[in-house]
Amino acid sequence: MVKAGCLDGIDEIYGYHNVPNFDEGDIRVCEGPIFAQVNGVKISITGQGGHGSSPHKIHDPINAACQILNALHSIKARNLDSAKNIVFTICGIQAGSTYNVFPDEAVLMGTIRSFDKPTLERMMERIHEIS
């Protein structure tokens, strides 16, 4: 529709998004984008589970997930220009379902939020290298 000209002659566009930390009834306006693009991240680690009494016989995906998580947190500080605004968060880790058995898999889930495409691409490149 945009390519067909539906916005021809339009000088301004306003979008609405609920922001929980704004006071009820507030409307805020700024020039340029206010919200970053968001990209989902899902990292699956496959190991070889087994009984908790024999950790020497398994390939622990939980320990690997923890090591990867720690490495991921260093990307912004050591690989990206500090003047570029980007937020990378791991908000979920799923692994196992009981207290005495190592799982075969661990999964990390999160998001990357950025206004800058080259910074986003570098972040994703480093995530792939680490994981």
N, C-alpha and C. Protein backbone atom coordinates (compact mmCIF):
# COMPACT_ATOMS: atom_id res chain seq x y z
N MET A 1 0.82 -1.19 0.00
CA MET A 1 0.00 0.00 0.00
C MET A 1 0.86 1.25 0.00
N VAL A 2 1.96 1.22 0.78
CA VAL A 2 2.83 2.39 0.83
C VAL A 2 3.45 2.63 -0.54
N LYS A 3 3.93 1.56 -1.17
CA LYS A 3 4.51 1.68 -2.51
C LYS A 3 3.48 2.19 -3.52
N ALA A 4 2.23 1.86 -3.30
CA ALA A 4 1.15 2.30 -4.20
C ALA A 4 0.76 3.76 -3.94
N GLY A 5 1.32 4.37 -2.86
CA GLY A 5 1.08 5.79 -2.64
C GLY A 5 0.09 6.15 -1.56
N CYS A 6 -0.30 5.21 -0.70
CA CYS A 6 -1.32 5.52 0.31
C CYS A 6 -0.87 6.60 1.29
N LEU A 7 0.44 6.85 1.40
CA LEU A 7 0.92 7.89 2.31
C LEU A 7 1.35 9.16 1.60
N ASP A 8 1.13 9.23 0.31
CA ASP A 8 1.46 10.45 -0.43
C ASP A 8 0.69 11.62 0.15
N GLY A 9 1.38 12.71 0.42
CA GLY A 9 0.74 13.90 0.98
C GLY A 9 0.64 13.89 2.49
N ILE A 10 1.09 12.83 3.15
CA ILE A 10 1.04 12.73 4.61
C ILE A 10 2.32 13.33 5.17
N ASP A 11 2.20 14.29 6.10
CA ASP A 11 3.36 14.94 6.69
C ASP A 11 3.79 14.30 8.01
N GLU A 12 2.86 13.73 8.75
CA GLU A 12 3.18 13.16 10.04
C GLU A 12 2.37 11.89 10.27
N ILE A 13 2.96 10.98 11.03
CA ILE A 13 2.28 9.74 11.43
C ILE A 13 2.47 9.59 12.93
N TYR A 14 1.42 9.24 13.63
CA TYR A 14 1.48 8.99 15.06
C TYR A 14 1.10 7.54 15.33
N GLY A 15 1.87 6.91 16.18
CA GLY A 15 1.55 5.55 16.60
C GLY A 15 1.24 5.55 18.08
N TYR A 16 0.53 4.55 18.53
CA TYR A 16 0.18 4.45 19.94
C TYR A 16 0.69 3.12 20.48
N HIS A 17 1.30 3.18 21.64
CA HIS A 17 1.77 1.97 22.29
C HIS A 17 1.58 2.15 23.79
N ASN A 18 1.04 1.17 24.45
CA ASN A 18 0.87 1.21 25.89
C ASN A 18 2.24 1.09 26.56
N VAL A 19 2.55 2.03 27.43
CA VAL A 19 3.82 2.00 28.15
C VAL A 19 3.49 1.98 29.65
N PRO A 20 3.68 0.85 30.31
CA PRO A 20 3.27 0.72 31.71
C PRO A 20 3.88 1.72 32.68
N ASN A 21 5.07 2.26 32.39
CA ASN A 21 5.68 3.18 33.35
C ASN A 21 5.25 4.63 33.14
N PHE A 22 4.39 4.93 32.16
CA PHE A 22 3.83 6.27 32.00
C PHE A 22 2.58 6.37 32.87
N ASP A 23 2.28 7.58 33.31
CA ASP A 23 1.06 7.79 34.08
C ASP A 23 -0.16 7.57 33.20
N GLU A 24 -1.21 7.04 33.79
CA GLU A 24 -2.46 6.81 33.05
C GLU A 24 -2.94 8.12 32.43
N GLY A 25 -3.27 8.06 31.16
CA GLY A 25 -3.77 9.23 30.45
C GLY A 25 -2.70 10.07 29.78
N ASP A 26 -1.43 9.81 30.07
CA ASP A 26 -0.34 10.56 29.44
C ASP A 26 -0.23 10.22 27.96
N ILE A 27 0.00 11.21 27.16
CA ILE A 27 0.35 11.03 25.75
C ILE A 27 1.65 11.78 25.54
N ARG A 28 2.64 11.10 25.00
CA ARG A 28 3.96 11.71 24.81
C ARG A 28 4.32 11.63 23.33
N VAL A 29 4.95 12.68 22.87
CA VAL A 29 5.31 12.79 21.46
C VAL A 29 6.78 13.17 21.37
N CYS A 30 7.49 12.59 20.41
CA CYS A 30 8.87 12.98 20.16
C CYS A 30 9.14 12.87 18.66
N GLU A 31 10.18 13.52 18.23
CA GLU A 31 10.57 13.44 16.84
C GLU A 31 11.38 12.16 16.63
N GLY A 32 11.11 11.44 15.56
CA GLY A 32 11.84 10.23 15.25
C GLY A 32 11.30 9.03 16.00
N PRO A 33 11.96 7.90 15.86
CA PRO A 33 11.46 6.68 16.51
C PRO A 33 11.62 6.77 18.03
N ILE A 34 10.67 6.17 18.72
CA ILE A 34 10.74 6.14 20.18
C ILE A 34 10.97 4.72 20.68
N PHE A 35 10.55 3.73 19.91
CA PHE A 35 10.76 2.34 20.29
C PHE A 35 11.69 1.67 19.29
N ALA A 36 12.57 0.84 19.80
CA ALA A 36 13.53 0.14 18.96
C ALA A 36 12.87 -1.05 18.27
N GLN A 37 13.52 -1.51 17.21
CA GLN A 37 13.08 -2.77 16.60
C GLN A 37 13.43 -3.89 17.57
N VAL A 38 12.67 -4.96 17.52
CA VAL A 38 12.93 -6.08 18.42
C VAL A 38 13.13 -7.35 17.60
N ASN A 39 14.10 -8.14 18.00
CA ASN A 39 14.40 -9.41 17.36
C ASN A 39 14.49 -10.47 18.44
N GLY A 40 13.81 -11.57 18.24
CA GLY A 40 13.86 -12.67 19.20
C GLY A 40 15.12 -13.49 19.04
N VAL A 41 15.59 -14.02 20.16
CA VAL A 41 16.78 -14.87 20.18
C VAL A 41 16.40 -16.18 20.88
N LYS A 42 16.75 -17.30 20.25
CA LYS A 42 16.53 -18.61 20.87
C LYS A 42 17.77 -19.44 20.60
N ILE A 43 18.41 -19.90 21.66
CA ILE A 43 19.62 -20.71 21.55
C ILE A 43 19.34 -22.04 22.22
N SER A 44 19.45 -23.11 21.45
CA SER A 44 19.24 -24.46 21.97
C SER A 44 20.59 -25.15 22.13
N ILE A 45 20.81 -25.73 23.29
CA ILE A 45 22.04 -26.46 23.58
C ILE A 45 21.66 -27.92 23.78
N THR A 46 22.22 -28.77 22.94
CA THR A 46 21.94 -30.20 23.04
C THR A 46 23.10 -30.90 23.72
N GLY A 47 22.79 -31.63 24.76
CA GLY A 47 23.80 -32.40 25.48
C GLY A 47 23.40 -33.86 25.50
N GLN A 48 23.80 -34.53 26.56
CA GLN A 48 23.37 -35.91 26.78
C GLN A 48 23.07 -36.03 28.26
N GLY A 49 21.80 -36.13 28.57
CA GLY A 49 21.39 -36.15 29.95
C GLY A 49 21.69 -37.47 30.63
N GLY A 50 21.30 -37.54 31.88
CA GLY A 50 21.50 -38.76 32.66
C GLY A 50 21.16 -38.49 34.11
N HIS A 51 21.40 -39.49 34.91
CA HIS A 51 21.03 -39.41 36.31
C HIS A 51 21.96 -38.46 37.07
N GLY A 52 21.39 -37.73 38.01
CA GLY A 52 22.14 -36.77 38.81
C GLY A 52 23.26 -37.39 39.64
N SER A 53 23.20 -38.68 39.87
CA SER A 53 24.25 -39.34 40.65
C SER A 53 25.49 -39.64 39.82
N SER A 54 25.40 -39.41 38.49
CA SER A 54 26.53 -39.75 37.60
C SER A 54 26.85 -38.61 36.65
N PRO A 55 27.18 -37.42 37.18
CA PRO A 55 27.45 -36.29 36.29
C PRO A 55 28.66 -36.51 35.37
N HIS A 56 29.53 -37.42 35.75
CA HIS A 56 30.71 -37.72 34.94
C HIS A 56 30.35 -38.49 33.67
N LYS A 57 29.13 -38.98 33.56
CA LYS A 57 28.71 -39.77 32.40
C LYS A 57 27.84 -38.97 31.41
N ILE A 58 27.65 -37.69 31.67
CA ILE A 58 26.73 -36.91 30.84
C ILE A 58 27.47 -35.76 30.16
N HIS A 59 26.79 -35.12 29.22
CA HIS A 59 27.22 -33.86 28.62
C HIS A 59 26.18 -32.83 29.03
N ASP A 60 26.53 -32.03 30.02
CA ASP A 60 25.58 -31.19 30.75
C ASP A 60 25.19 -29.94 29.95
N PRO A 61 23.97 -29.87 29.41
CA PRO A 61 23.54 -28.68 28.68
C PRO A 61 23.25 -27.49 29.59
N ILE A 62 22.99 -27.74 30.87
CA ILE A 62 22.72 -26.64 31.79
C ILE A 62 24.02 -25.86 32.05
N ASN A 63 25.09 -26.56 32.32
CA ASN A 63 26.37 -25.89 32.53
C ASN A 63 26.80 -25.15 31.27
N ALA A 64 26.62 -25.77 30.12
CA ALA A 64 26.96 -25.11 28.85
C ALA A 64 26.11 -23.84 28.67
N ALA A 65 24.82 -23.91 28.99
CA ALA A 65 23.93 -22.75 28.86
C ALA A 65 24.40 -21.62 29.76
N CYS A 66 24.85 -21.95 30.98
CA CYS A 66 25.35 -20.92 31.90
C CYS A 66 26.62 -20.27 31.36
N GLN A 67 27.52 -21.05 30.79
CA GLN A 67 28.75 -20.50 30.22
C GLN A 67 28.43 -19.60 29.02
N ILE A 68 27.50 -20.03 28.19
CA ILE A 68 27.09 -19.22 27.04
C ILE A 68 26.44 -17.93 27.52
N LEU A 69 25.56 -18.01 28.51
CA LEU A 69 24.91 -16.82 29.05
C LEU A 69 25.94 -15.80 29.54
N ASN A 70 26.93 -16.25 30.27
CA ASN A 70 27.98 -15.34 30.75
C ASN A 70 28.73 -14.70 29.59
N ALA A 71 29.04 -15.47 28.57
CA ALA A 71 29.75 -14.93 27.40
C ALA A 71 28.87 -13.93 26.65
N LEU A 72 27.58 -14.19 26.55
CA LEU A 72 26.67 -13.28 25.86
C LEU A 72 26.63 -11.91 26.51
N HIS A 73 26.72 -11.88 27.83
CA HIS A 73 26.66 -10.61 28.55
C HIS A 73 27.88 -9.72 28.29
N SER A 74 28.95 -10.29 27.78
CA SER A 74 30.15 -9.49 27.50
C SER A 74 30.12 -8.86 26.10
N ILE A 75 29.19 -9.25 25.24
CA ILE A 75 29.18 -8.76 23.86
C ILE A 75 29.07 -7.24 23.82
N LYS A 76 28.09 -6.68 24.49
CA LYS A 76 27.87 -5.24 24.43
C LYS A 76 29.09 -4.47 24.94
N ALA A 77 29.67 -4.91 26.03
CA ALA A 77 30.79 -4.19 26.64
C ALA A 77 32.09 -4.31 25.85
N ARG A 78 32.28 -5.41 25.13
CA ARG A 78 33.57 -5.66 24.50
C ARG A 78 33.55 -5.67 22.98
N ASN A 79 32.36 -5.61 22.35
CA ASN A 79 32.30 -5.75 20.91
C ASN A 79 31.53 -4.66 20.19
N LEU A 80 30.84 -3.81 20.94
CA LEU A 80 29.99 -2.80 20.31
C LEU A 80 30.38 -1.40 20.79
N ASP A 81 30.22 -0.44 19.90
CA ASP A 81 30.49 0.96 20.22
C ASP A 81 29.55 1.40 21.35
N SER A 82 30.12 1.91 22.41
CA SER A 82 29.30 2.30 23.56
C SER A 82 28.35 3.45 23.25
N ALA A 83 28.59 4.18 22.16
CA ALA A 83 27.69 5.27 21.77
C ALA A 83 26.42 4.75 21.09
N LYS A 84 26.41 3.47 20.69
CA LYS A 84 25.25 2.88 20.03
C LYS A 84 24.33 2.27 21.08
N ASN A 85 23.07 2.60 20.99
CA ASN A 85 22.09 2.12 21.96
C ASN A 85 21.55 0.76 21.53
N ILE A 86 21.76 -0.24 22.36
CA ILE A 86 21.24 -1.58 22.10
C ILE A 86 20.98 -2.26 23.44
N VAL A 87 19.93 -3.05 23.49
CA VAL A 87 19.61 -3.81 24.69
C VAL A 87 19.49 -5.27 24.29
N PHE A 88 20.23 -6.12 24.98
CA PHE A 88 20.17 -7.56 24.74
C PHE A 88 19.84 -8.23 26.06
N THR A 89 18.76 -8.98 26.09
CA THR A 89 18.35 -9.63 27.33
C THR A 89 18.01 -11.09 27.08
N ILE A 90 18.47 -11.93 27.97
CA ILE A 90 18.01 -13.31 28.03
C ILE A 90 17.00 -13.34 29.17
N CYS A 91 15.76 -13.62 28.84
CA CYS A 91 14.68 -13.56 29.83
C CYS A 91 14.14 -14.93 30.21
N GLY A 92 14.62 -15.98 29.55
CA GLY A 92 14.12 -17.30 29.87
C GLY A 92 15.17 -18.37 29.63
N ILE A 93 15.22 -19.30 30.57
CA ILE A 93 16.06 -20.48 30.43
C ILE A 93 15.18 -21.68 30.79
N GLN A 94 15.14 -22.62 29.87
CA GLN A 94 14.36 -23.83 30.13
C GLN A 94 15.29 -25.04 30.04
N ALA A 95 15.25 -25.85 31.07
CA ALA A 95 16.06 -27.07 31.06
C ALA A 95 15.57 -27.98 32.18
N GLY A 96 15.35 -29.20 31.86
CA GLY A 96 15.00 -30.19 32.86
C GLY A 96 13.61 -30.02 33.44
N SER A 97 13.18 -31.07 34.12
CA SER A 97 11.85 -31.03 34.73
C SER A 97 11.82 -31.71 36.09
N THR A 98 12.98 -32.09 36.59
CA THR A 98 13.02 -32.72 37.90
C THR A 98 14.35 -32.41 38.56
N TYR A 99 14.49 -32.76 39.81
CA TYR A 99 15.66 -32.37 40.60
C TYR A 99 16.82 -33.36 40.51
N ASN A 100 16.62 -34.55 39.93
CA ASN A 100 17.69 -35.55 39.99
C ASN A 100 18.07 -36.15 38.64
N VAL A 101 17.66 -35.51 37.55
CA VAL A 101 18.00 -36.01 36.22
C VAL A 101 18.45 -34.84 35.35
N PHE A 102 19.63 -34.98 34.77
CA PHE A 102 20.11 -33.97 33.82
C PHE A 102 19.32 -34.08 32.53
N PRO A 103 18.89 -32.96 31.95
CA PRO A 103 18.15 -33.00 30.69
C PRO A 103 19.10 -33.18 29.50
N ASP A 104 18.52 -33.49 28.35
CA ASP A 104 19.29 -33.57 27.10
C ASP A 104 19.44 -32.21 26.44
N GLU A 105 18.61 -31.24 26.85
CA GLU A 105 18.62 -29.95 26.17
C GLU A 105 18.39 -28.80 27.15
N ALA A 106 18.98 -27.67 26.83
CA ALA A 106 18.71 -26.41 27.53
C ALA A 106 18.45 -25.36 26.46
N VAL A 107 17.53 -24.44 26.75
CA VAL A 107 17.16 -23.41 25.79
C VAL A 107 17.23 -22.04 26.47
N LEU A 108 17.93 -21.10 25.82
CA LEU A 108 17.98 -19.71 26.26
C LEU A 108 17.10 -18.90 25.33
N MET A 109 16.30 -17.98 25.87
CA MET A 109 15.41 -17.15 25.05
C MET A 109 15.51 -15.70 25.49
N GLY A 110 15.51 -14.80 24.52
CA GLY A 110 15.57 -13.39 24.85
C GLY A 110 15.30 -12.50 23.65
N THR A 111 15.69 -11.25 23.78
CA THR A 111 15.47 -10.28 22.70
C THR A 111 16.66 -9.35 22.55
N ILE A 112 16.75 -8.80 21.34
CA ILE A 112 17.69 -7.72 21.04
C ILE A 112 16.83 -6.55 20.61
N ARG A 113 17.09 -5.38 21.17
CA ARG A 113 16.35 -4.16 20.79
C ARG A 113 17.37 -3.10 20.39
N SER A 114 17.18 -2.56 19.18
CA SER A 114 18.14 -1.60 18.66
C SER A 114 17.50 -0.65 17.66
N PHE A 115 18.06 0.54 17.56
CA PHE A 115 17.66 1.50 16.53
C PHE A 115 18.61 1.46 15.34
N ASP A 116 19.75 0.83 15.49
CA ASP A 116 20.84 0.90 14.52
C ASP A 116 21.09 -0.46 13.87
N LYS A 117 20.85 -0.57 12.57
CA LYS A 117 20.97 -1.85 11.87
C LYS A 117 22.39 -2.44 11.92
N PRO A 118 23.46 -1.66 11.65
CA PRO A 118 24.80 -2.25 11.74
C PRO A 118 25.14 -2.78 13.14
N THR A 119 24.69 -2.08 14.17
CA THR A 119 24.94 -2.54 15.54
C THR A 119 24.17 -3.83 15.80
N LEU A 120 22.92 -3.89 15.35
CA LEU A 120 22.12 -5.11 15.48
C LEU A 120 22.80 -6.27 14.76
N GLU A 121 23.27 -6.04 13.54
CA GLU A 121 23.92 -7.11 12.78
C GLU A 121 25.19 -7.61 13.47
N ARG A 122 25.97 -6.69 14.05
CA ARG A 122 27.18 -7.09 14.77
C ARG A 122 26.82 -7.90 16.01
N MET A 123 25.78 -7.49 16.71
CA MET A 123 25.32 -8.21 17.89
C MET A 123 24.92 -9.63 17.52
N MET A 124 24.14 -9.76 16.46
CA MET A 124 23.68 -11.09 16.04
C MET A 124 24.86 -11.95 15.58
N GLU A 125 25.81 -11.35 14.91
CA GLU A 125 27.01 -12.06 14.47
C GLU A 125 27.76 -12.64 15.66
N ARG A 126 27.94 -11.82 16.70
CA ARG A 126 28.66 -12.28 17.89
C ARG A 126 27.88 -13.35 18.65
N ILE A 127 26.55 -13.24 18.69
CA ILE A 127 25.73 -14.28 19.33
C ILE A 127 25.94 -15.61 18.64
N HIS A 128 25.93 -15.60 17.31
CA HIS A 128 26.13 -16.83 16.55
C HIS A 128 27.52 -17.41 16.80
N GLU A 129 28.53 -16.56 16.91
CA GLU A 129 29.90 -17.04 17.16
C GLU A 129 30.01 -17.68 18.54
N ILE A 130 29.36 -17.09 19.53
CA ILE A 130 29.45 -17.60 20.89
C ILE A 130 28.64 -18.88 21.08
N SER A 131 27.47 -18.91 20.47
CA SER A 131 26.61 -20.06 20.70
C SER A 131 26.84 -21.12 19.66
